[in-house]
């Protein structure tokens, strides 16, 4: 699954640490998601989308291999 978290975070002016605190995870989790090494739970994906005032589908995209 691909995502645009890094881009959205930059637009919002948030650090990985700040986003992590807002959604209740570690900075390392945010980093892993940005590197597409970690697929978030539905709950976490919804929390991230809420921070950016977007729908989940605007941030997370399924790839053909998913």
PDB file of N, CA and C in Angstrom:
ATOM      1  N   UNK A   1       0.832  -1.172   0.000  1.00  0.00           N
ATOM      2  CA  UNK A   1       0.000   0.000   0.000  1.00  0.00           C
ATOM      3  C   UNK A   1       0.880   1.239   0.000  1.00  0.00           C
ATOM      4  N   UNK A   2       0.590   2.145  -0.911  1.00  0.00           N
ATOM      5  CA  UNK A   2       1.323   3.402  -0.979  1.00  0.00           C
ATOM      6  C   UNK A   2       0.573   4.452  -0.178  1.00  0.00           C
ATOM      7  N   UNK A   3       1.298   5.500   0.215  1.00  0.00           N
ATOM      8  CA  UNK A   3       0.632   6.582   0.936  1.00  0.00           C
ATOM      9  C   UNK A   3       1.330   7.906   0.659  1.00  0.00           C
ATOM     10  N   UNK A   4       0.626   8.975   1.024  1.00  0.00           N
ATOM     11  CA  UNK A   4       1.158  10.320   0.834  1.00  0.00           C
ATOM     12  C   UNK A   4       1.370  11.017   2.174  1.00  0.00           C
ATOM     13  N   UNK A   5       1.643  10.244   3.213  1.00  0.00           N
ATOM     14  CA  UNK A   5       1.795  10.820   4.554  1.00  0.00           C
ATOM     15  C   UNK A   5       2.908  11.864   4.588  1.00  0.00           C
ATOM     16  N   UNK A   6       4.046  11.553   4.001  1.00  0.00           N
ATOM     17  CA  UNK A   6       5.169  12.492   4.051  1.00  0.00           C
ATOM     18  C   UNK A   6       4.797  13.826   3.400  1.00  0.00           C
ATOM     19  N   UNK A   7       4.115  13.771   2.281  1.00  0.00           N
ATOM     20  CA  UNK A   7       3.694  14.985   1.584  1.00  0.00           C
ATOM     21  C   UNK A   7       2.674  15.755   2.416  1.00  0.00           C
ATOM     22  N   UNK A   8       1.675  15.042   2.916  1.00  0.00           N
ATOM     23  CA  UNK A   8       0.638  15.683   3.734  1.00  0.00           C
ATOM     24  C   UNK A   8       1.243  16.301   4.989  1.00  0.00           C
ATOM     25  N   UNK A   9       2.183  15.612   5.563  1.00  0.00           N
ATOM     26  CA  UNK A   9       2.837  16.097   6.782  1.00  0.00           C
ATOM     27  C   UNK A   9       3.619  17.378   6.493  1.00  0.00           C
ATOM     28  N   UNK A  10       4.297  17.413   5.352  1.00  0.00           N
ATOM     29  CA  UNK A  10       5.059  18.605   4.968  1.00  0.00           C
ATOM     30  C   UNK A  10       4.123  19.788   4.717  1.00  0.00           C
ATOM     31  N   UNK A  11       3.017  19.541   4.048  1.00  0.00           N
ATOM     32  CA  UNK A  11       2.034  20.597   3.784  1.00  0.00           C
ATOM     33  C   UNK A  11       1.492  21.154   5.096  1.00  0.00           C
ATOM     34  N   UNK A  12       1.246  20.253   6.052  1.00  0.00           N
ATOM     35  CA  UNK A  12       0.704  20.667   7.348  1.00  0.00           C
ATOM     36  C   UNK A  12       1.762  21.260   8.278  1.00  0.00           C
ATOM     37  N   UNK A  13       3.035  21.124   7.896  1.00  0.00           N
ATOM     38  CA  UNK A  13       4.114  21.649   8.728  1.00  0.00           C
ATOM     39  C   UNK A  13       4.334  20.858   9.995  1.00  0.00           C
ATOM     40  N   UNK A  14       4.092  19.545   9.919  1.00  0.00           N
ATOM     41  CA  UNK A  14       4.259  18.674  11.084  1.00  0.00           C
ATOM     42  C   UNK A  14       5.528  17.837  10.970  1.00  0.00           C
ATOM     43  N   UNK A  15       6.168  17.603  12.104  1.00  0.00           N
ATOM     44  CA  UNK A  15       7.276  16.654  12.138  1.00  0.00           C
ATOM     45  C   UNK A  15       6.695  15.258  12.314  1.00  0.00           C
ATOM     46  N   UNK A  16       7.528  14.249  12.104  1.00  0.00           N
ATOM     47  CA  UNK A  16       7.078  12.877  12.355  1.00  0.00           C
ATOM     48  C   UNK A  16       6.657  12.733  13.810  1.00  0.00           C
ATOM     49  N   UNK A  17       7.408  13.332  14.713  1.00  0.00           N
ATOM     50  CA  UNK A  17       7.106  13.251  16.144  1.00  0.00           C
ATOM     51  C   UNK A  17       5.751  13.881  16.461  1.00  0.00           C
ATOM     52  N   UNK A  18       5.473  15.031  15.884  1.00  0.00           N
ATOM     53  CA  UNK A  18       4.202  15.714  16.135  1.00  0.00           C
ATOM     54  C   UNK A  18       3.022  14.900  15.617  1.00  0.00           C
ATOM     55  N   UNK A  19       3.150  14.354  14.417  1.00  0.00           N
ATOM     56  CA  UNK A  19       2.086  13.516  13.868  1.00  0.00           C
ATOM     57  C   UNK A  19       1.899  12.276  14.736  1.00  0.00           C
ATOM     58  N   UNK A  20       3.012  11.673  15.132  1.00  0.00           N
ATOM     59  CA  UNK A  20       2.949  10.473  15.971  1.00  0.00           C
ATOM     60  C   UNK A  20       2.171  10.739  17.257  1.00  0.00           C
ATOM     61  N   UNK A  21       2.430  11.866  17.905  1.00  0.00           N
ATOM     62  CA  UNK A  21       1.720  12.205  19.143  1.00  0.00           C
ATOM     63  C   UNK A  21       0.233  12.390  18.892  1.00  0.00           C
ATOM     64  N   UNK A  22      -0.105  13.000  17.775  1.00  0.00           N
ATOM     65  CA  UNK A  22      -1.520  13.250  17.465  1.00  0.00           C
ATOM     66  C   UNK A  22      -2.303  11.975  17.214  1.00  0.00           C
ATOM     67  N   UNK A  23      -1.641  10.953  16.694  1.00  0.00           N
ATOM     68  CA  UNK A  23      -2.354   9.705  16.389  1.00  0.00           C
ATOM     69  C   UNK A  23      -2.039   8.580  17.377  1.00  0.00           C
ATOM     70  N   UNK A  24      -1.170   8.846  18.348  1.00  0.00           N
ATOM     71  CA  UNK A  24      -0.915   7.880  19.417  1.00  0.00           C
ATOM     72  C   UNK A  24       0.022   6.741  19.077  1.00  0.00           C
ATOM     73  N   UNK A  25       1.022   7.026  18.240  1.00  0.00           N
ATOM     74  CA  UNK A  25       2.025   6.001  17.924  1.00  0.00           C
ATOM     75  C   UNK A  25       3.419   6.604  18.082  1.00  0.00           C
ATOM     76  N   UNK A  26       4.440   5.810  17.849  1.00  0.00           N
ATOM     77  CA  UNK A  26       5.815   6.307  17.947  1.00  0.00           C
ATOM     78  C   UNK A  26       6.230   6.992  16.639  1.00  0.00           C
ATOM     79  N   UNK A  27       7.274   7.797  16.726  1.00  0.00           N
ATOM     80  CA  UNK A  27       7.835   8.427  15.538  1.00  0.00           C
ATOM     81  C   UNK A  27       8.317   7.364  14.560  1.00  0.00           C
ATOM     82  N   UNK A  28       8.832   6.270  15.106  1.00  0.00           N
ATOM     83  CA  UNK A  28       9.331   5.185  14.260  1.00  0.00           C
ATOM     84  C   UNK A  28       8.206   4.571  13.420  1.00  0.00           C
ATOM     85  N   UNK A  29       7.009   4.508  13.980  1.00  0.00           N
ATOM     86  CA  UNK A  29       5.868   3.977  13.231  1.00  0.00           C
ATOM     87  C   UNK A  29       5.531   4.885  12.062  1.00  0.00           C
ATOM     88  N   UNK A  30       5.535   6.196  12.308  1.00  0.00           N
ATOM     89  CA  UNK A  30       5.272   7.148  11.223  1.00  0.00           C
ATOM     90  C   UNK A  30       6.339   7.008  10.150  1.00  0.00           C
ATOM     91  N   UNK A  31       7.594   6.898  10.565  1.00  0.00           N
ATOM     92  CA  UNK A  31       8.697   6.727   9.611  1.00  0.00           C
ATOM     93  C   UNK A  31       8.501   5.463   8.784  1.00  0.00           C
ATOM     94  N   UNK A  32       8.148   4.366   9.432  1.00  0.00           N
ATOM     95  CA  UNK A  32       7.952   3.099   8.725  1.00  0.00           C
ATOM     96  C   UNK A  32       6.790   3.204   7.734  1.00  0.00           C
ATOM     97  N   UNK A  33       5.724   3.898   8.107  1.00  0.00           N
ATOM     98  CA  UNK A  33       4.598   4.074   7.183  1.00  0.00           C
ATOM     99  C   UNK A  33       5.022   4.908   5.982  1.00  0.00           C
ATOM    100  N   UNK A  34       5.777   5.984   6.222  1.00  0.00           N
ATOM    101  CA  UNK A  34       6.229   6.832   5.120  1.00  0.00           C
ATOM    102  C   UNK A  34       7.132   6.065   4.154  1.00  0.00           C
ATOM    103  N   UNK A  35       7.876   5.111   4.657  1.00  0.00           N
ATOM    104  CA  UNK A  35       8.775   4.304   3.820  1.00  0.00           C
ATOM    105  C   UNK A  35       8.082   3.084   3.228  1.00  0.00           C
ATOM    106  N   UNK A  36       6.760   2.990   3.451  1.00  0.00           N
ATOM    107  CA  UNK A  36       5.955   1.856   2.984  1.00  0.00           C
ATOM    108  C   UNK A  36       6.447   0.521   3.529  1.00  0.00           C
ATOM    109  N   UNK A  37       6.994   0.541   4.748  1.00  0.00           N
ATOM    110  CA  UNK A  37       7.458  -0.682   5.398  1.00  0.00           C
ATOM    111  C   UNK A  37       6.454  -1.182   6.434  1.00  0.00           C
ATOM    112  N   UNK A  38       5.423  -0.381   6.686  1.00  0.00           N
ATOM    113  CA  UNK A  38       4.427  -0.735   7.687  1.00  0.00           C
ATOM    114  C   UNK A  38       3.050  -0.351   7.160  1.00  0.00           C
ATOM    115  N   UNK A  39       2.137  -1.309   7.162  1.00  0.00           N
ATOM    116  CA  UNK A  39       0.756  -1.050   6.757  1.00  0.00           C
ATOM    117  C   UNK A  39      -0.047  -0.808   8.031  1.00  0.00           C
ATOM    118  N   UNK A  40      -0.623   0.382   8.163  1.00  0.00           N
ATOM    119  CA  UNK A  40      -1.333   0.705   9.395  1.00  0.00           C
ATOM    120  C   UNK A  40      -2.650  -0.045   9.527  1.00  0.00           C
ATOM    121  N   UNK A  41      -3.097  -0.159  10.761  1.00  0.00           N
ATOM    122  CA  UNK A  41      -4.427  -0.723  11.010  1.00  0.00           C
ATOM    123  C   UNK A  41      -5.464   0.244  10.461  1.00  0.00           C
ATOM    124  N   UNK A  42      -6.678  -0.216  10.346  1.00  0.00           N
ATOM    125  CA  UNK A  42      -7.763   0.654   9.893  1.00  0.00           C
ATOM    126  C   UNK A  42      -7.907   1.841  10.826  1.00  0.00           C
ATOM    127  N   UNK A  43      -7.843   1.595  12.120  1.00  0.00           N
ATOM    128  CA  UNK A  43      -7.976   2.662  13.107  1.00  0.00           C
ATOM    129  C   UNK A  43      -6.884   3.712  12.934  1.00  0.00           C
ATOM    130  N   UNK A  44      -5.639   3.280  12.770  1.00  0.00           N
ATOM    131  CA  UNK A  44      -4.538   4.217  12.599  1.00  0.00           C
ATOM    132  C   UNK A  44      -4.678   4.996  11.289  1.00  0.00           C
ATOM    133  N   UNK A  45      -5.077   4.324  10.230  1.00  0.00           N
ATOM    134  CA  UNK A  45      -5.275   5.007   8.946  1.00  0.00           C
ATOM    135  C   UNK A  45      -6.349   6.082   9.069  1.00  0.00           C
ATOM    136  N   UNK A  46      -7.417   5.782   9.788  1.00  0.00           N
ATOM    137  CA  UNK A  46      -8.485   6.760   9.999  1.00  0.00           C
ATOM    138  C   UNK A  46      -7.993   7.953  10.819  1.00  0.00           C
ATOM    139  N   UNK A  47      -7.186   7.686  11.829  1.00  0.00           N
ATOM    140  CA  UNK A  47      -6.640   8.772  12.655  1.00  0.00           C
ATOM    141  C   UNK A  47      -5.726   9.679  11.839  1.00  0.00           C
ATOM    142  N   UNK A  48      -4.880   9.086  11.011  1.00  0.00           N
ATOM    143  CA  UNK A  48      -3.975   9.874  10.165  1.00  0.00           C
ATOM    144  C   UNK A  48      -4.800  10.730   9.204  1.00  0.00           C
ATOM    145  N   UNK A  49      -5.800  10.129   8.581  1.00  0.00           N
ATOM    146  CA  UNK A  49      -6.648  10.868   7.645  1.00  0.00           C
ATOM    147  C   UNK A  49      -7.346  12.030   8.347  1.00  0.00           C
ATOM    148  N   UNK A  50      -7.798  11.811   9.561  1.00  0.00           N
ATOM    149  CA  UNK A  50      -8.491  12.862  10.312  1.00  0.00           C
ATOM    150  C   UNK A  50      -7.563  14.044  10.586  1.00  0.00           C
ATOM    151  N   UNK A  51      -6.307  13.771  10.924  1.00  0.00           N
ATOM    152  CA  UNK A  51      -5.348  14.852  11.187  1.00  0.00           C
ATOM    153  C   UNK A  51      -5.231  15.763   9.966  1.00  0.00           C
ATOM    154  N   UNK A  52      -5.246  15.174   8.782  1.00  0.00           N
ATOM    155  CA  UNK A  52      -5.072  15.941   7.552  1.00  0.00           C
ATOM    156  C   UNK A  52      -6.399  16.386   6.926  1.00  0.00           C
ATOM    157  N   UNK A  53      -7.523  16.079   7.595  1.00  0.00           N
ATOM    158  CA  UNK A  53      -8.854  16.457   7.112  1.00  0.00           C
ATOM    159  C   UNK A  53      -9.101  15.921   5.704  1.00  0.00           C
ATOM    160  N   UNK A  54      -8.761  14.645   5.534  1.00  0.00           N
ATOM    161  CA  UNK A  54      -8.930  13.986   4.234  1.00  0.00           C
ATOM    162  C   UNK A  54      -9.574  12.627   4.444  1.00  0.00           C
ATOM    163  N   UNK A  55     -10.072  12.058   3.349  1.00  0.00           N
ATOM    164  CA  UNK A  55     -10.567  10.687   3.393  1.00  0.00           C
ATOM    165  C   UNK A  55      -9.375   9.740   3.358  1.00  0.00           C
ATOM    166  N   UNK A  56      -9.555   8.560   3.905  1.00  0.00           N
ATOM    167  CA  UNK A  56      -8.477   7.562   3.926  1.00  0.00           C
ATOM    168  C   UNK A  56      -7.953   7.301   2.516  1.00  0.00           C
ATOM    169  N   UNK A  57      -8.867   7.228   1.549  1.00  0.00           N
ATOM    170  CA  UNK A  57      -8.479   6.922   0.176  1.00  0.00           C
ATOM    171  C   UNK A  57      -7.641   8.026  -0.471  1.00  0.00           C
ATOM    172  N   UNK A  58      -7.678   9.219   0.093  1.00  0.00           N
ATOM    173  CA  UNK A  58      -6.869  10.306  -0.436  1.00  0.00           C
ATOM    174  C   UNK A  58      -5.425  10.203   0.032  1.00  0.00           C
ATOM    175  N   UNK A  59      -5.174   9.422   1.072  1.00  0.00           N
ATOM    176  CA  UNK A  59      -3.837   9.273   1.629  1.00  0.00           C
ATOM    177  C   UNK A  59      -3.251   7.903   1.347  1.00  0.00           C
ATOM    178  N   UNK A  60      -4.076   6.863   1.440  1.00  0.00           N
ATOM    179  CA  UNK A  60      -3.615   5.489   1.262  1.00  0.00           C
ATOM    180  C   UNK A  60      -4.175   4.914  -0.033  1.00  0.00           C
ATOM    181  N   UNK A  61      -3.292   4.279  -0.836  1.00  0.00           N
ATOM    182  CA  UNK A  61      -3.685   3.717  -2.123  1.00  0.00           C
ATOM    183  C   UNK A  61      -3.219   2.269  -2.219  1.00  0.00           C
ATOM    184  N   UNK A  62      -4.151   1.384  -2.578  1.00  0.00           N
ATOM    185  CA  UNK A  62      -3.771  -0.013  -2.773  1.00  0.00           C
ATOM    186  C   UNK A  62      -2.974  -0.153  -4.062  1.00  0.00           C
ATOM    187  N   UNK A  63      -1.983  -1.015  -4.023  1.00  0.00           N
ATOM    188  CA  UNK A  63      -1.200  -1.339  -5.216  1.00  0.00           C
ATOM    189  C   UNK A  63      -1.688  -2.683  -5.771  1.00  0.00           C
ATOM    190  N   UNK A  64      -1.358  -2.988  -6.988  1.00  0.00           N
ATOM    191  CA  UNK A  64      -1.787  -4.245  -7.607  1.00  0.00           C
ATOM    192  C   UNK A  64      -1.276  -5.460  -6.833  1.00  0.00           C
ATOM    193  N   UNK A  65      -0.152  -5.312  -6.155  1.00  0.00           N
ATOM    194  CA  UNK A  65       0.434  -6.433  -5.425  1.00  0.00           C
ATOM    195  C   UNK A  65      -0.166  -6.618  -4.027  1.00  0.00           C
ATOM    196  N   UNK A  66      -1.032  -5.716  -3.606  1.00  0.00           N
ATOM    197  CA  UNK A  66      -1.654  -5.824  -2.262  1.00  0.00           C
ATOM    198  C   UNK A  66      -2.778  -6.836  -2.253  1.00  0.00           C
TER     199      UNK A  66
END
